[in-house]
Structure formats: structure tokens, C-alpha cells
Amino acid sequence: MAVKVISFYQEGCMGCEEQTPILREVEKNLGIEIEEIDAVKNPEQIKTYSLRVTPTTLVIEGDMVRERMEGLVHREELEAAIQRHLSQPLPR
């Protein structure tokens, strides 16, 4: 089953601005794409994923949220969370 990673942000959020370069680094390291969604401009997503804060990063497998990380997430923690759900873990 495919793993999808979504990161929710909002304009003016300092934590979100710090999270963006971390997301880019994780994408490069793991060879994946992380979708970024503006939570304010997509209020239906707030309800769908029960968002409480930004940034919030979700690892989704199929249609189930497998990992939820609220607030700023460091690269090592984010990579570990994603790798737990990849079908074949990537070498370090």
C-alpha cells in the first residue's frame, strides 16, 4: 500500500516556516514527495484530519493516518516515522 505524507501549514506560522526546509531535506533523503496544504484555505481538510495546530504532518497509508506529528518535527523523527511505513526501508 502506498504511503502519502501531507504537511499542513498556514501563512505567518513561524513553526511552519521552519518546517519547510526540513520537509525538502526529507524528500531528498528518502526520494519521496511531501504534499503541503494550506489549512486555512482548505477548511474541509481541518475537519477530515481533525487538525488542531500547524504545522501538522501526517503519514497516511491507504486511507488511514498512521502517524500524526503536531508542531515542528525534526528531520530524524520525520524520516523515522515515514520509514516505519515504507514497504522497503531505505538504507541510511
PDB file of N, CA and C in Angstrom:
ATOM      1  N   MET A   1       0.849  -1.181   0.000  1.00  0.00           N
ATOM      2  CA  MET A   1       0.000   0.000   0.000  1.00  0.00           C
ATOM      3  C   MET A   1       0.896   1.247   0.000  1.00  0.00           C
ATOM      4  N   ALA A   2       0.512   2.218  -0.781  1.00  0.00           N
ATOM      5  CA  ALA A   2       1.318   3.432  -0.914  1.00  0.00           C
ATOM      6  C   ALA A   2       1.232   4.311   0.329  1.00  0.00           C
ATOM      7  N   VAL A   3       2.354   4.923   0.640  1.00  0.00           N
ATOM      8  CA  VAL A   3       2.436   5.846   1.758  1.00  0.00           C
ATOM      9  C   VAL A   3       2.400   7.261   1.202  1.00  0.00           C
ATOM     10  N   LYS A   4       1.584   8.106   1.823  1.00  0.00           N
ATOM     11  CA  LYS A   4       1.452   9.501   1.419  1.00  0.00           C
ATOM     12  C   LYS A   4       1.781  10.357   2.637  1.00  0.00           C
ATOM     13  N   VAL A   5       2.537  11.430   2.427  1.00  0.00           N
ATOM     14  CA  VAL A   5       2.885  12.329   3.525  1.00  0.00           C
ATOM     15  C   VAL A   5       2.316  13.703   3.192  1.00  0.00           C
ATOM     16  N   ILE A   6       1.573  14.255   4.136  1.00  0.00           N
ATOM     17  CA  ILE A   6       0.966  15.576   3.974  1.00  0.00           C
ATOM     18  C   ILE A   6       1.402  16.441   5.145  1.00  0.00           C
ATOM     19  N   SER A   7       1.790  17.670   4.836  1.00  0.00           N
ATOM     20  CA  SER A   7       2.143  18.629   5.874  1.00  0.00           C
ATOM     21  C   SER A   7       1.214  19.830   5.747  1.00  0.00           C
ATOM     22  N   PHE A   8       0.508  20.144   6.819  1.00  0.00           N
ATOM     23  CA  PHE A   8      -0.414  21.273   6.834  1.00  0.00           C
ATOM     24  C   PHE A   8       0.281  22.486   7.447  1.00  0.00           C
ATOM     25  N   TYR A   9       0.068  23.638   6.828  1.00  0.00           N
ATOM     26  CA  TYR A   9       0.686  24.875   7.288  1.00  0.00           C
ATOM     27  C   TYR A   9      -0.324  26.006   7.177  1.00  0.00           C
ATOM     28  N   GLN A  10       0.070  27.181   7.668  1.00  0.00           N
ATOM     29  CA  GLN A  10      -0.712  28.389   7.425  1.00  0.00           C
ATOM     30  C   GLN A  10       0.247  29.567   7.332  1.00  0.00           C
ATOM     31  N   GLU A  11      -0.147  30.569   6.568  1.00  0.00           N
ATOM     32  CA  GLU A  11       0.684  31.757   6.390  1.00  0.00           C
ATOM     33  C   GLU A  11       0.951  32.419   7.739  1.00  0.00           C
ATOM     34  N   GLY A  12       2.182  32.890   7.924  1.00  0.00           N
ATOM     35  CA  GLY A  12       2.544  33.600   9.149  1.00  0.00           C
ATOM     36  C   GLY A  12       2.904  32.707  10.321  1.00  0.00           C
ATOM     37  N   CYS A  13       2.863  31.416  10.133  1.00  0.00           N
ATOM     38  CA  CYS A  13       3.190  30.455  11.198  1.00  0.00           C
ATOM     39  C   CYS A  13       4.702  30.248  11.213  1.00  0.00           C
ATOM     40  N   MET A  14       5.350  30.668  12.293  1.00  0.00           N
ATOM     41  CA  MET A  14       6.807  30.557  12.388  1.00  0.00           C
ATOM     42  C   MET A  14       7.273  29.098  12.349  1.00  0.00           C
ATOM     43  N   GLY A  15       6.566  28.227  13.053  1.00  0.00           N
ATOM     44  CA  GLY A  15       6.918  26.807  13.037  1.00  0.00           C
ATOM     45  C   GLY A  15       6.804  26.208  11.641  1.00  0.00           C
ATOM     46  N   CYS A  16       5.800  26.679  10.892  1.00  0.00           N
ATOM     47  CA  CYS A  16       5.602  26.195   9.521  1.00  0.00           C
ATOM     48  C   CYS A  16       6.769  26.622   8.636  1.00  0.00           C
ATOM     49  N   GLU A  17       7.222  27.849   8.827  1.00  0.00           N
ATOM     50  CA  GLU A  17       8.350  28.350   8.038  1.00  0.00           C
ATOM     51  C   GLU A  17       9.622  27.561   8.356  1.00  0.00           C
ATOM     52  N   GLU A  18       9.788  27.161   9.606  1.00  0.00           N
ATOM     53  CA  GLU A  18      10.941  26.342   9.980  1.00  0.00           C
ATOM     54  C   GLU A  18      10.801  24.908   9.458  1.00  0.00           C
ATOM     55  N   GLN A  19       9.556  24.429   9.348  1.00  0.00           N
ATOM     56  CA  GLN A  19       9.317  23.052   8.916  1.00  0.00           C
ATOM     57  C   GLN A  19       9.624  22.849   7.435  1.00  0.00           C
ATOM     58  N   THR A  20       9.391  23.863   6.609  1.00  0.00           N
ATOM     59  CA  THR A  20       9.533  23.726   5.159  1.00  0.00           C
ATOM     60  C   THR A  20      10.906  23.221   4.722  1.00  0.00           C
ATOM     61  N   PRO A  21      12.025  23.805   5.168  1.00  0.00           N
ATOM     62  CA  PRO A  21      13.316  23.258   4.726  1.00  0.00           C
ATOM     63  C   PRO A  21      13.566  21.833   5.222  1.00  0.00           C
ATOM     64  N   ILE A  22      12.995  21.481   6.349  1.00  0.00           N
ATOM     65  CA  ILE A  22      13.116  20.105   6.859  1.00  0.00           C
ATOM     66  C   ILE A  22      12.380  19.153   5.924  1.00  0.00           C
ATOM     67  N   LEU A  23      11.194  19.556   5.476  1.00  0.00           N
ATOM     68  CA  LEU A  23      10.428  18.729   4.545  1.00  0.00           C
ATOM     69  C   LEU A  23      11.209  18.499   3.256  1.00  0.00           C
ATOM     70  N   ARG A  24      11.842  19.563   2.741  1.00  0.00           N
ATOM     71  CA  ARG A  24      12.624  19.442   1.498  1.00  0.00           C
ATOM     72  C   ARG A  24      13.784  18.469   1.690  1.00  0.00           C
ATOM     73  N   GLU A  25      14.434  18.534   2.837  1.00  0.00           N
ATOM     74  CA  GLU A  25      15.563  17.649   3.116  1.00  0.00           C
ATOM     75  C   GLU A  25      15.103  16.189   3.205  1.00  0.00           C
ATOM     76  N   VAL A  26      13.964  15.958   3.855  1.00  0.00           N
ATOM     77  CA  VAL A  26      13.422  14.601   3.974  1.00  0.00           C
ATOM     78  C   VAL A  26      13.034  14.068   2.595  1.00  0.00           C
ATOM     79  N   GLU A  27      12.432  14.913   1.775  1.00  0.00           N
ATOM     80  CA  GLU A  27      12.076  14.494   0.408  1.00  0.00           C
ATOM     81  C   GLU A  27      13.323  14.023  -0.337  1.00  0.00           C
ATOM     82  N   LYS A  28      14.376  14.803  -0.235  1.00  0.00           N
ATOM     83  CA  LYS A  28      15.632  14.473  -0.919  1.00  0.00           C
ATOM     84  C   LYS A  28      16.242  13.191  -0.353  1.00  0.00           C
ATOM     85  N   ASN A  29      16.295  13.071   0.967  1.00  0.00           N
ATOM     86  CA  ASN A  29      16.912  11.910   1.609  1.00  0.00           C
ATOM     87  C   ASN A  29      16.166  10.612   1.329  1.00  0.00           C
ATOM     88  N   LEU A  30      14.830  10.674   1.306  1.00  0.00           N
ATOM     89  CA  LEU A  30      14.030   9.455   1.155  1.00  0.00           C
ATOM     90  C   LEU A  30      13.512   9.242  -0.261  1.00  0.00           C
ATOM     91  N   GLY A  31      13.697  10.223  -1.133  1.00  0.00           N
ATOM     92  CA  GLY A  31      13.214  10.089  -2.504  1.00  0.00           C
ATOM     93  C   GLY A  31      11.696  10.038  -2.596  1.00  0.00           C
ATOM     94  N   ILE A  32      11.035  10.819  -1.750  1.00  0.00           N
ATOM     95  CA  ILE A  32       9.570  10.851  -1.732  1.00  0.00           C
ATOM     96  C   ILE A  32       9.099  12.282  -1.964  1.00  0.00           C
ATOM     97  N   GLU A  33       7.800  12.447  -2.143  1.00  0.00           N
ATOM     98  CA  GLU A  33       7.207  13.770  -2.262  1.00  0.00           C
ATOM     99  C   GLU A  33       6.305  13.998  -1.053  1.00  0.00           C
ATOM    100  N   ILE A  34       6.432  15.177  -0.447  1.00  0.00           N
ATOM    101  CA  ILE A  34       5.583  15.547   0.678  1.00  0.00           C
ATOM    102  C   ILE A  34       4.655  16.653   0.194  1.00  0.00           C
ATOM    103  N   GLU A  35       3.361  16.409   0.288  1.00  0.00           N
ATOM    104  CA  GLU A  35       2.364  17.386  -0.141  1.00  0.00           C
ATOM    105  C   GLU A  35       2.164  18.415   0.970  1.00  0.00           C
ATOM    106  N   GLU A  36       2.208  19.691   0.606  1.00  0.00           N
ATOM    107  CA  GLU A  36       1.959  20.757   1.573  1.00  0.00           C
ATOM    108  C   GLU A  36       0.603  21.378   1.271  1.00  0.00           C
ATOM    109  N   ILE A  37      -0.210  21.533   2.312  1.00  0.00           N
ATOM    110  CA  ILE A  37      -1.558  22.073   2.163  1.00  0.00           C
ATOM    111  C   ILE A  37      -1.750  23.219   3.144  1.00  0.00           C
ATOM    112  N   ASP A  38      -2.229  24.350   2.635  1.00  0.00           N
ATOM    113  CA  ASP A  38      -2.574  25.497   3.475  1.00  0.00           C
ATOM    114  C   ASP A  38      -3.884  25.163   4.179  1.00  0.00           C
ATOM    115  N   ALA A  39      -3.828  24.951   5.473  1.00  0.00           N
ATOM    116  CA  ALA A  39      -5.003  24.523   6.242  1.00  0.00           C
ATOM    117  C   ALA A  39      -6.114  25.569   6.207  1.00  0.00           C
ATOM    118  N   VAL A  40      -5.752  26.847   6.239  1.00  0.00           N
ATOM    119  CA  VAL A  40      -6.756  27.913   6.259  1.00  0.00           C
ATOM    120  C   VAL A  40      -7.537  27.952   4.949  1.00  0.00           C
ATOM    121  N   LYS A  41      -6.853  27.713   3.836  1.00  0.00           N
ATOM    122  CA  LYS A  41      -7.505  27.750   2.525  1.00  0.00           C
ATOM    123  C   LYS A  41      -8.225  26.446   2.198  1.00  0.00           C
ATOM    124  N   ASN A  42      -8.074  25.439   3.040  1.00  0.00           N
ATOM    125  CA  ASN A  42      -8.704  24.128   2.827  1.00  0.00           C
ATOM    126  C   ASN A  42      -9.402  23.672   4.105  1.00  0.00           C
ATOM    127  N   PRO A  43     -10.450  24.402   4.521  1.00  0.00           N
ATOM    128  CA  PRO A  43     -11.100  24.089   5.805  1.00  0.00           C
ATOM    129  C   PRO A  43     -11.687  22.682   5.876  1.00  0.00           C
ATOM    130  N   GLU A  44     -12.018  22.083   4.739  1.00  0.00           N
ATOM    131  CA  GLU A  44     -12.548  20.717   4.771  1.00  0.00           C
ATOM    132  C   GLU A  44     -11.495  19.736   5.281  1.00  0.00           C
ATOM    133  N   GLN A  45     -10.219  20.052   5.014  1.00  0.00           N
ATOM    134  CA  GLN A  45      -9.138  19.193   5.493  1.00  0.00           C
ATOM    135  C   GLN A  45      -8.998  19.273   7.014  1.00  0.00           C
ATOM    136  N   ILE A  46      -9.305  20.443   7.579  1.00  0.00           N
ATOM    137  CA  ILE A  46      -9.252  20.607   9.036  1.00  0.00           C
ATOM    138  C   ILE A  46     -10.182  19.604   9.697  1.00  0.00           C
ATOM    139  N   LYS A  47     -11.396  19.477   9.154  1.00  0.00           N
ATOM    140  CA  LYS A  47     -12.364  18.519   9.697  1.00  0.00           C
ATOM    141  C   LYS A  47     -11.949  17.083   9.394  1.00  0.00           C
ATOM    142  N   THR A  48     -11.572  16.837   8.147  1.00  0.00           N
ATOM    143  CA  THR A  48     -11.218  15.476   7.730  1.00  0.00           C
ATOM    144  C   THR A  48     -10.129  14.883   8.608  1.00  0.00           C
ATOM    145  N   TYR A  49      -9.108  15.682   8.907  1.00  0.00           N
ATOM    146  CA  TYR A  49      -7.960  15.169   9.659  1.00  0.00           C
ATOM    147  C   TYR A  49      -7.908  15.671  11.104  1.00  0.00           C
ATOM    148  N   SER A  50      -8.973  16.278  11.578  1.00  0.00           N
ATOM    149  CA  SER A  50      -9.051  16.774  12.964  1.00  0.00           C
ATOM    150  C   SER A  50      -7.824  17.600  13.337  1.00  0.00           C
ATOM    151  N   LEU A  51      -7.510  18.564  12.487  1.00  0.00           N
ATOM    152  CA  LEU A  51      -6.332  19.398  12.731  1.00  0.00           C
ATOM    153  C   LEU A  51      -6.571  20.344  13.893  1.00  0.00           C
ATOM    154  N   ARG A  52      -5.549  20.464  14.748  1.00  0.00           N
ATOM    155  CA  ARG A  52      -5.636  21.368  15.895  1.00  0.00           C
ATOM    156  C   ARG A  52      -4.578  22.458  15.837  1.00  0.00           C
ATOM    157  N   VAL A  53      -3.432  22.150  15.237  1.00  0.00           N
ATOM    158  CA  VAL A  53      -2.321  23.108  15.175  1.00  0.00           C
ATOM    159  C   VAL A  53      -1.631  22.996  13.817  1.00  0.00           C
ATOM    160  N   THR A  54      -0.865  24.045  13.507  1.00  0.00           N
ATOM    161  CA  THR A  54       0.034  23.978  12.359  1.00  0.00           C
ATOM    162  C   THR A  54       1.424  24.298  12.856  1.00  0.00           C
ATOM    163  N   PRO A  55       2.421  23.666  12.323  1.00  0.00           N
ATOM    164  CA  PRO A  55       2.332  22.630  11.307  1.00  0.00           C
ATOM    165  C   PRO A  55       1.870  21.294  11.900  1.00  0.00           C
ATOM    166  N   THR A  56       1.182  20.535  11.082  1.00  0.00           N
ATOM    167  CA  THR A  56       0.853  19.146  11.398  1.00  0.00           C
ATOM    168  C   THR A  56       1.258  18.320  10.193  1.00  0.00           C
ATOM    169  N   THR A  57       1.998  17.261  10.440  1.00  0.00           N
ATOM    170  CA  THR A  57       2.444  16.379   9.361  1.00  0.00           C
ATOM    171  C   THR A  57       1.851  14.998   9.596  1.00  0.00           C
ATOM    172  N   LEU A  58       1.254  14.449   8.539  1.00  0.00           N
ATOM    173  CA  LEU A  58       0.596  13.151   8.620  1.00  0.00           C
ATOM    174  C   LEU A  58       1.259  12.165   7.676  1.00  0.00           C
ATOM    175  N   VAL A  59       1.417  10.930   8.147  1.00  0.00           N
ATOM    176  CA  VAL A  59       1.838   9.828   7.286  1.00  0.00           C
ATOM    177  C   VAL A  59       0.593   8.974   7.113  1.00  0.00           C
ATOM    178  N   ILE A  60       0.153   8.858   5.862  1.00  0.00           N
ATOM    179  CA  ILE A  60      -1.098   8.164   5.558  1.00  0.00           C
ATOM    180  C   ILE A  60      -0.785   6.944   4.717  1.00  0.00           C
ATOM    181  N   GLU A  61      -1.377   5.834   5.120  1.00  0.00           N
ATOM    182  CA  GLU A  61      -1.227   4.584   4.372  1.00  0.00           C
ATOM    183  C   GLU A  61      -2.626   4.128   3.995  1.00  0.00           C
ATOM    184  N   GLY A  62      -2.876   4.008   2.699  1.00  0.00           N
ATOM    185  CA  GLY A  62      -4.240   3.739   2.245  1.00  0.00           C
ATOM    186  C   GLY A  62      -5.083   4.948   2.572  1.00  0.00           C
ATOM    187  N   ASP A  63      -6.097   4.758   3.393  1.00  0.00           N
ATOM    188  CA  ASP A  63      -6.917   5.900   3.820  1.00  0.00           C
ATOM    189  C   ASP A  63      -6.837   6.104   5.337  1.00  0.00           C
ATOM    190  N   MET A  64      -5.808   5.514   5.949  1.00  0.00           N
ATOM    191  CA  MET A  64      -5.659   5.629   7.399  1.00  0.00           C
ATOM    192  C   MET A  64      -4.440   6.455   7.777  1.00  0.00           C
ATOM    193  N   VAL A  65      -4.609   7.354   8.756  1.00  0.00           N
ATOM    194  CA  VAL A  65      -3.487   8.120   9.288  1.00  0.00           C
ATOM    195  C   VAL A  65      -2.702   7.187  10.202  1.00  0.00           C
ATOM    196  N   ARG A  66      -1.446   6.938   9.847  1.00  0.00           N
ATOM    197  CA  ARG A  66      -0.592   6.037  10.623  1.00  0.00           C
ATOM    198  C   ARG A  66       0.299   6.783  11.604  1.00  0.00           C
ATOM    199  N   GLU A  67       0.662   8.014  11.245  1.00  0.00           N
ATOM    200  CA  GLU A  67       1.498   8.841  12.122  1.00  0.00           C
ATOM    201  C   GLU A  67       0.953  10.266  12.072  1.00  0.00           C
ATOM    202  N   ARG A  68       0.892  10.923  13.224  1.00  0.00           N
ATOM    203  CA  ARG A  68       0.470  12.324  13.334  1.00  0.00           C
ATOM    204  C   ARG A  68       1.520  13.036  14.172  1.00  0.00           C
ATOM    205  N   MET A  69       2.119  14.055  13.562  1.00  0.00           N
ATOM    206  CA  MET A  69       3.132  14.841  14.262  1.00  0.00           C
ATOM    207  C   MET A  69       2.676  16.292  14.267  1.00  0.00           C
ATOM    208  N   GLU A  70       2.369  16.794  15.449  1.00  0.00           N
ATOM    209  CA  GLU A  70       1.879  18.167  15.584  1.00  0.00           C
ATOM    210  C   GLU A  70       3.014  19.059  16.057  1.00  0.00           C
ATOM    211  N   GLY A  71       3.115  20.224  15.429  1.00  0.00           N
ATOM    212  CA  GLY A  71       4.200  21.136  15.746  1.00  0.00           C
ATOM    213  C   GLY A  71       5.418  20.821  14.891  1.00  0.00           C
ATOM    214  N   LEU A  72       6.493  21.533  15.156  1.00  0.00           N
ATOM    215  CA  LEU A  72       7.741  21.362  14.406  1.00  0.00           C
ATOM    216  C   LEU A  72       8.309  19.967  14.640  1.00  0.00           C
ATOM    217  N   VAL A  73       8.631  19.273  13.551  1.00  0.00           N
ATOM    218  CA  VAL A  73       9.186  17.920  13.632  1.00  0.00           C
ATOM    219  C   VAL A  73      10.598  17.955  13.050  1.00  0.00           C
ATOM    220  N   HIS A  74      11.556  17.444  13.800  1.00  0.00           N
ATOM    221  CA  HIS A  74      12.933  17.405  13.336  1.00  0.00           C
ATOM    222  C   HIS A  74      13.118  16.320  12.279  1.00  0.00           C
ATOM    223  N   ARG A  75      14.098  16.496  11.440  1.00  0.00           N
ATOM    224  CA  ARG A  75      14.331  15.614  10.298  1.00  0.00           C
ATOM    225  C   ARG A  75      14.413  14.147  10.702  1.00  0.00           C
ATOM    226  N   GLU A  76      15.205  13.831  11.709  1.00  0.00           N
ATOM    227  CA  GLU A  76      15.396  12.432  12.116  1.00  0.00           C
ATOM    228  C   GLU A  76      14.075  11.785  12.530  1.00  0.00           C
ATOM    229  N   GLU A  77      13.276  12.515  13.275  1.00  0.00           N
ATOM    230  CA  GLU A  77      11.987  11.983  13.738  1.00  0.00           C
ATOM    231  C   GLU A  77      11.029  11.774  12.568  1.00  0.00           C
ATOM    232  N   LEU A  78      10.999  12.737  11.649  1.00  0.00           N
ATOM    233  CA  LEU A  78      10.107  12.633  10.499  1.00  0.00           C
ATOM    234  C   LEU A  78      10.529  11.483   9.589  1.00  0.00           C
ATOM    235  N   GLU A  79      11.816  11.370   9.323  1.00  0.00           N
ATOM    236  CA  GLU A  79      12.291  10.273   8.478  1.00  0.00           C
ATOM    237  C   GLU A  79      11.980   8.918   9.102  1.00  0.00           C
ATOM    238  N   ALA A  80      12.172   8.799  10.401  1.00  0.00           N
ATOM    239  CA  ALA A  80      11.891   7.527  11.084  1.00  0.00           C
ATOM    240  C   ALA A  80      10.408   7.181  10.982  1.00  0.00           C
ATOM    241  N   ALA A  81       9.538   8.177  11.162  1.00  0.00           N
ATOM    242  CA  ALA A  81       8.092   7.939  11.089  1.00  0.00           C
ATOM    243  C   ALA A  81       7.689   7.480   9.693  1.00  0.00           C
ATOM    244  N   ILE A  82       8.253   8.084   8.677  1.00  0.00           N
ATOM    245  CA  ILE A  82       7.923   7.704   7.299  1.00  0.00           C
ATOM    246  C   ILE A  82       8.468   6.313   6.993  1.00  0.00           C
ATOM    247  N   GLN A  83       9.700   6.056   7.376  1.00  0.00           N
ATOM    248  CA  GLN A  83      10.324   4.758   7.073  1.00  0.00           C
ATOM    249  C   GLN A  83       9.599   3.592   7.737  1.00  0.00           C
ATOM    250  N   ARG A  84       8.963   3.831   8.860  1.00  0.00           N
ATOM    251  CA  ARG A  84       8.198   2.749   9.512  1.00  0.00           C
ATOM    252  C   ARG A  84       7.090   2.234   8.618  1.00  0.00           C
ATOM    253  N   HIS A  85       6.666   3.030   7.638  1.00  0.00           N
ATOM    254  CA  HIS A  85       5.518   2.656   6.812  1.00  0.00           C
ATOM    255  C   HIS A  85       5.857   2.433   5.354  1.00  0.00           C
ATOM    256  N   LEU A  86       7.104   2.612   4.981  1.00  0.00           N
ATOM    257  CA  LEU A  86       7.505   2.289   3.619  1.00  0.00           C
ATOM    258  C   LEU A  86       7.618   0.775   3.478  1.00  0.00           C
ATOM    259  N   SER A  87       7.223   0.254   2.332  1.00  0.00           N
ATOM    260  CA  SER A  87       7.247  -1.196   2.131  1.00  0.00           C
ATOM    261  C   SER A  87       8.668  -1.750   2.207  1.00  0.00           C
ATOM    262  N   GLN A  88       9.636  -0.989   1.707  1.00  0.00           N
ATOM    263  CA  GLN A  88      11.032  -1.407   1.810  1.00  0.00           C
ATOM    264  C   GLN A  88      11.822  -0.247   2.403  1.00  0.00           C
ATOM    265  N   PRO A  89      12.241  -0.369   3.649  1.00  0.00           N
ATOM    266  CA  PRO A  89      13.016   0.719   4.264  1.00  0.00           C
ATOM    267  C   PRO A  89      14.236   1.076   3.436  1.00  0.00           C
ATOM    268  N   LEU A  90      14.502   2.363   3.338  1.00  0.00           N
ATOM    269  CA  LEU A  90      15.637   2.843   2.565  1.00  0.00           C
ATOM    270  C   LEU A  90      16.904   2.784   3.417  1.00  0.00           C
ATOM    271  N   PRO A  91      18.031   2.503   2.777  1.00  0.00           N
ATOM    272  CA  PRO A  91      19.294   2.464   3.525  1.00  0.00           C
ATOM    273  C   PRO A  91      19.682   3.866   3.996  1.00  0.00           C
ATOM    274  N   ARG A  92      20.423   3.959   5.057  1.00  0.00           N
ATOM    275  CA  ARG A  92      20.864   5.253   5.592  1.00  0.00           C
ATOM    276  C   ARG A  92      22.169   5.632   4.987  1.00  0.00           C
TER     277      ARG A  92
END
